[in-house]
Amino acid sequence: MLRRCIESAIAQTHSCEVIVVDHGSIDDTPSVARSFGDRIRYIRRDDDYGVHFCWLDGVLAAKGDFIHINFDDDFMHPSFIEKCMALAAPDVAFVMSGAVVRDEVSGRTLSHLFADIAPTGVHPVSRFMRHQIRGLISPCALIIRKKDILDFLFVGGVPFARYEYRGVGPDWLMSAMATLRYPNFGYVNEALVVFSSHEGSITIDAQKDAVRHRALNLAYQQARKFYAVSYLMSRLRLDFLAYFFLKFLQQSARLQSKFHRLFASKSTFKSYE
């Protein structure tokens, strides 16, 4: 699957840099990656700290301003980047396309994803969030700015989250948070990305077990809650309230420091009597 993924990136009709990041693999990943020679850049780490640290490694190494993240079991049609980049603009948060889920064994298409979002073109981000808030639009279906990934990919986990499941949550949050920075998103109404359904997939495993499925949903709900708080902060200008509360905390800290020095001085004076 990795070879197919890399080949789909190299075959893009729009010129792009291909970076393969390998954190702690114990299979044939190194030999597969190195077989492509200088057509790709291969980054290998012996330790695996999770998928989002792996993403971050590749993003930091990238030279371009726009990034597409691809799991090793998924692949793109050759025109994916070209058609998405045609809609990129300063007021566009990211550009995405439709996708299909394909059974890895039979090759049969199991479902079409994101086809009902919008016609091809640029649309208000509210249209994207109507779908994202109900589920997950995979970041592997979109192209997003490097800067926004660095700002919104919470590699250590969703802030203040009470539940965690195999690192999910930051993947949902990355694109959602970008919608707070730009008014529009781009959409190509063609299935230009293929997601593979196979044993070992986090999503497939969760669907087969009620406990795992609940844990997966709880983890994504933590991301949605953080987005909701961030949305209120930006739209209701709660940053003003936060500013005054910060001033209160700073003033309280100064008073406590003065009292502490005062009583410390008295204590020191008494010790010399």
Protein backbone atom coordinates (compact mmCIF):
# COMPACT_ATOMS: atom_id res chain seq x y z
CA MET A 1 0.00 0.00 0.00
CA LEU A 2 2.88 2.38 0.74
CA ARG A 3 4.32 1.97 -2.76
CA ARG A 4 0.93 2.76 -4.30
CA CYS A 5 0.60 5.84 -2.07
CA ILE A 6 4.04 7.18 -3.07
CA GLU A 7 3.44 6.47 -6.75
CA SER A 8 0.18 8.43 -6.62
CA ALA A 9 2.05 11.42 -5.19
CA ILE A 10 4.81 11.26 -7.79
CA ALA A 11 2.21 10.95 -10.58
CA GLN A 12 0.53 14.28 -9.76
CA THR A 13 0.05 16.58 -12.74
CA HIS A 14 0.95 19.56 -10.52
CA SER A 15 4.60 19.72 -9.49
CA CYS A 16 5.04 18.88 -5.81
CA GLU A 17 7.58 17.80 -3.24
CA VAL A 18 7.05 14.27 -1.90
CA ILE A 19 8.15 13.58 1.68
CA VAL A 20 7.80 10.16 3.32
CA VAL A 21 8.06 10.19 7.10
CA ASP A 22 8.70 6.92 8.92
CA HIS A 23 8.57 6.87 12.71
CA GLY A 24 9.58 3.50 14.09
CA SER A 25 8.35 1.15 11.38
CA ILE A 26 9.35 -2.52 11.67
CA ASP A 27 8.23 -3.60 8.19
CA ASP A 28 9.66 -3.00 4.73
CA THR A 29 8.97 0.76 4.76
CA PRO A 30 12.67 1.77 4.57
CA SER A 31 13.40 -0.39 1.53
CA VAL A 32 10.20 0.67 -0.25
CA ALA A 33 10.89 4.36 0.37
CA ARG A 34 14.53 4.17 -0.67
CA SER A 35 13.63 2.38 -3.90
CA PHE A 36 12.24 5.71 -5.17
CA GLY A 37 15.67 7.32 -4.90
CA ASP A 38 15.83 11.09 -5.18
CA ARG A 39 12.22 11.37 -6.40
CA ILE A 40 11.18 11.59 -2.77
CA ARG A 41 12.65 12.77 0.53
CA TYR A 42 12.68 10.03 3.17
CA ILE A 43 12.78 10.91 6.89
CA ARG A 44 13.33 8.05 9.32
CA ARG A 45 13.09 8.13 13.13
CA ASP A 46 13.64 5.05 15.28
CA ASP A 47 11.06 6.10 17.87
CA ASP A 48 7.32 6.43 17.26
CA TYR A 49 5.60 9.17 19.28
CA GLY A 50 2.28 9.01 17.43
CA VAL A 51 0.78 9.97 14.11
CA HIS A 52 0.62 13.73 14.70
CA PHE A 53 4.29 13.99 15.62
CA CYS A 54 4.97 12.10 12.39
CA TRP A 55 2.86 14.63 10.46
CA LEU A 56 4.67 17.50 12.16
CA ASP A 57 8.04 16.08 11.16
CA GLY A 58 7.03 16.10 7.52
CA VAL A 59 5.37 19.52 7.66
CA LEU A 60 8.46 21.13 9.18
CA ALA A 61 10.63 19.59 6.49
CA ALA A 62 8.38 20.74 3.63
CA LYS A 63 9.57 23.67 1.51
CA GLY A 64 6.19 24.66 0.07
CA ASP A 65 3.42 26.82 1.53
CA PHE A 66 0.66 24.22 1.02
CA ILE A 67 0.56 20.69 2.39
CA HIS A 68 -1.38 17.53 1.62
CA ILE A 69 -1.16 14.81 4.25
CA ASN A 70 -1.59 11.25 3.03
CA PHE A 71 -1.75 8.06 5.07
CA ASP A 72 0.25 5.20 3.61
CA ASP A 73 -2.86 3.14 2.87
CA ASP A 74 -4.62 5.90 0.87
CA PHE A 75 -3.85 7.38 -2.53
CA MET A 76 -4.73 10.28 -4.84
CA HIS A 77 -5.83 10.52 -8.43
CA PRO A 78 -3.21 12.28 -10.60
CA SER A 79 -5.16 15.55 -10.90
CA PHE A 80 -5.95 15.95 -7.18
CA ILE A 81 -3.37 18.63 -6.37
CA GLU A 82 -3.79 20.48 -9.68
CA LYS A 83 -7.58 20.78 -9.34
CA CYS A 84 -7.42 21.73 -5.66
CA MET A 85 -4.71 24.35 -6.13
CA ALA A 86 -6.78 25.97 -8.87
CA LEU A 87 -9.20 27.10 -6.13
CA ALA A 88 -6.57 28.26 -3.63
CA ALA A 89 -6.78 31.97 -2.75
CA PRO A 90 -5.79 34.28 0.13
CA ASP A 91 -9.32 34.11 1.63
CA VAL A 92 -9.62 30.30 1.25
CA ALA A 93 -8.81 28.24 4.35
CA PHE A 94 -8.15 25.03 2.43
CA VAL A 95 -9.32 23.15 -0.63
CA MET A 96 -10.72 19.62 -0.53
CA SER A 97 -12.20 17.07 -2.89
CA GLY A 98 -14.65 14.24 -2.71
CA ALA A 99 -13.40 10.77 -1.82
CA VAL A 100 -14.33 7.10 -1.95
CA VAL A 101 -13.80 4.26 0.49
CA ARG A 102 -12.51 1.14 -1.23
CA ASP A 103 -12.27 -2.39 0.12
CA GLU A 104 -8.57 -3.27 0.05
CA VAL A 105 -9.16 -6.96 -0.63
CA SER A 106 -11.83 -6.88 -3.33
CA GLY A 107 -11.18 -3.41 -4.74
CA ARG A 108 -14.90 -2.70 -4.52
CA THR A 109 -16.07 0.85 -3.79
CA LEU A 110 -17.89 0.81 -0.45
CA SER A 111 -19.04 4.41 -0.21
CA HIS A 112 -18.71 7.91 -1.64
CA LEU A 113 -17.71 10.63 0.83
CA PHE A 114 -18.36 14.38 0.91
CA ALA A 115 -20.24 14.37 -2.44
CA ASP A 116 -23.13 16.42 -1.05
CA ILE A 117 -21.07 19.25 0.41
CA ALA A 118 -21.24 21.66 -2.53
CA PRO A 119 -20.64 22.06 -6.26
CA THR A 120 -17.09 22.70 -7.37
CA GLY A 121 -16.04 26.19 -6.37
CA VAL A 122 -15.37 28.46 -3.38
CA HIS A 123 -17.95 28.52 -0.57
CA PRO A 124 -18.39 29.97 2.94
CA VAL A 125 -16.65 27.92 5.64
CA SER A 126 -20.01 27.54 7.42
CA ARG A 127 -20.95 25.07 4.70
CA PHE A 128 -17.92 22.95 5.50
CA MET A 129 -18.56 23.08 9.25
CA ARG A 130 -22.17 21.90 8.85
CA HIS A 131 -20.69 18.60 7.72
CA GLN A 132 -17.60 18.57 9.92
CA ILE A 133 -19.52 19.18 13.14
CA ARG A 134 -21.59 16.03 12.54
CA GLY A 135 -18.69 13.76 11.68
CA LEU A 136 -15.17 13.82 10.27
CA ILE A 137 -13.96 15.21 6.98
CA SER A 138 -10.55 13.63 6.81
CA PRO A 139 -7.59 16.01 6.53
CA CYS A 140 -6.29 13.56 3.93
CA ALA A 141 -8.96 14.89 1.54
CA LEU A 142 -7.68 18.45 1.59
CA ILE A 143 -4.77 20.79 0.91
CA ILE A 144 -4.03 23.31 3.65
CA ARG A 145 -1.40 25.93 4.37
CA LYS A 146 1.74 24.87 6.21
CA LYS A 147 1.31 27.82 8.58
CA ASP A 148 -2.18 26.72 9.58
CA ILE A 149 -1.08 23.16 10.27
CA LEU A 150 1.67 24.44 12.55
CA ASP A 151 -0.80 26.71 14.35
CA PHE A 152 -3.69 24.27 14.67
CA LEU A 153 -2.24 20.75 14.83
CA PHE A 154 -2.28 20.03 18.55
CA VAL A 155 0.28 17.25 18.49
CA GLY A 156 0.11 16.64 22.23
CA GLY A 157 -3.66 16.12 22.11
CA VAL A 158 -6.79 18.25 22.20
CA PRO A 159 -6.41 20.94 24.91
CA PHE A 160 -8.37 20.21 28.11
CA ALA A 161 -9.61 16.88 26.72
CA ARG A 162 -10.99 14.45 29.27
CA TYR A 163 -10.99 11.49 26.88
CA GLU A 164 -8.40 10.19 24.44
CA TYR A 165 -8.42 7.35 21.94
CA ARG A 166 -5.37 6.47 19.88
CA GLY A 167 -4.53 10.08 19.13
CA VAL A 168 -7.76 11.02 17.33
CA GLY A 169 -9.14 14.52 17.72
CA PRO A 170 -6.32 16.79 16.49
CA ASP A 171 -7.00 15.55 12.93
CA TRP A 172 -10.59 16.88 13.20
CA LEU A 173 -9.53 20.07 14.93
CA MET A 174 -6.87 21.14 12.44
CA SER A 175 -9.26 22.00 9.60
CA ALA A 176 -12.03 23.20 11.94
CA MET A 177 -9.76 25.77 13.57
CA ALA A 178 -8.63 27.03 10.15
CA THR A 179 -12.24 28.00 9.40
CA LEU A 180 -11.98 30.62 12.18
CA ARG A 181 -9.16 32.35 10.29
CA TYR A 182 -10.61 32.50 6.74
CA PRO A 183 -14.12 33.13 5.37
CA ASN A 184 -14.12 30.52 2.59
CA PHE A 185 -13.03 27.02 1.61
CA GLY A 186 -12.62 25.41 -1.80
CA TYR A 187 -14.30 22.21 -2.93
CA VAL A 188 -13.75 20.01 -5.97
CA ASN A 189 -16.82 17.84 -6.45
CA GLU A 190 -14.94 14.84 -7.76
CA ALA A 191 -13.74 11.75 -5.92
CA LEU A 192 -10.02 12.41 -6.25
CA VAL A 193 -8.89 10.65 -3.07
CA VAL A 194 -9.24 6.95 -2.23
CA PHE A 195 -9.38 5.72 1.38
CA SER A 196 -8.67 2.03 1.94
CA SER A 197 -10.82 -0.14 4.20
CA HIS A 198 -8.78 -2.94 5.74
CA GLU A 199 -8.03 -4.79 8.96
CA GLY A 200 -5.96 -2.74 11.39
CA SER A 201 -7.53 0.60 10.46
CA ILE A 202 -8.45 2.62 13.56
CA THR A 203 -11.88 3.46 12.14
CA ILE A 204 -12.64 -0.09 10.98
CA ASP A 205 -11.54 -1.59 14.31
CA ALA A 206 -13.75 0.88 16.22
CA GLN A 207 -16.78 0.00 14.11
CA LYS A 208 -16.47 -3.64 15.09
CA ASP A 209 -16.37 -3.05 18.86
CA ALA A 210 -18.94 -1.03 20.85
CA VAL A 211 -16.44 0.03 23.53
CA ARG A 212 -13.88 1.23 20.99
CA HIS A 213 -16.58 2.95 18.97
CA ARG A 214 -17.75 4.88 22.03
CA ALA A 215 -14.17 5.80 22.92
CA LEU A 216 -13.58 7.06 19.37
CA ASN A 217 -16.71 9.23 19.48
CA LEU A 218 -15.84 10.63 22.91
CA ALA A 219 -12.37 11.61 21.71
CA TYR A 220 -13.79 13.45 18.70
CA GLN A 221 -16.36 15.12 20.90
CA GLN A 222 -13.53 16.66 22.91
CA ALA A 223 -12.23 18.25 19.72
CA ARG A 224 -15.69 19.60 18.89
CA LYS A 225 -16.01 21.14 22.35
CA PHE A 226 -12.67 22.92 22.03
CA TYR A 227 -13.70 24.25 18.62
CA ALA A 228 -17.01 25.49 20.08
CA VAL A 229 -15.17 27.39 22.82
CA SER A 230 -12.76 28.86 20.26
CA TYR A 231 -15.67 29.85 18.02
CA LEU A 232 -17.36 31.70 20.88
CA MET A 233 -14.09 33.38 21.78
CA SER A 234 -13.65 34.70 18.24
CA ARG A 235 -17.25 35.60 17.45
CA LEU A 236 -18.38 37.05 20.78
CA ARG A 237 -15.02 38.72 21.42
CA LEU A 238 -14.62 36.96 24.72
CA ASP A 239 -10.96 37.88 24.42
CA PHE A 240 -11.95 41.24 25.94
CA LEU A 241 -13.37 39.46 28.98
CA ALA A 242 -10.24 37.34 29.12
CA TYR A 243 -8.13 40.51 29.00
CA PHE A 244 -9.83 42.00 32.06
CA PHE A 245 -9.65 38.69 33.92
CA LEU A 246 -5.94 38.50 33.10
CA LYS A 247 -5.46 42.00 34.51
CA PHE A 248 -7.26 40.90 37.67
CA LEU A 249 -4.98 37.86 38.01
CA GLN A 250 -1.88 39.99 37.46
CA GLN A 251 -2.98 42.54 40.06
CA SER A 252 -3.78 39.77 42.54
CA ALA A 253 -0.34 38.28 41.97
CA ARG A 254 1.30 41.65 42.65
CA LEU A 255 -0.64 42.10 45.90
CA GLN A 256 0.20 38.59 47.04
CA SER A 257 3.85 39.21 46.27
CA LYS A 258 3.82 42.45 48.32
CA PHE A 259 2.16 40.73 51.29
CA HIS A 260 4.63 37.88 51.05
CA ARG A 261 7.61 40.26 51.10
CA LEU A 262 6.06 42.25 53.98
CA PHE A 263 5.53 39.23 56.20
CA ALA A 264 8.86 37.75 55.18
CA SER A 265 10.57 40.99 56.30
CA LYS A 266 8.78 40.93 59.66
CA SER A 267 9.72 37.32 60.15
CA THR A 268 13.36 38.09 59.35
CA PHE A 269 13.37 41.10 61.68
CA LYS A 270 12.02 39.02 64.57
CA SER A 271 14.64 36.38 64.05
CA TYR A 272 17.32 38.96 64.96
CA GLU A 273 15.68 40.17 68.17
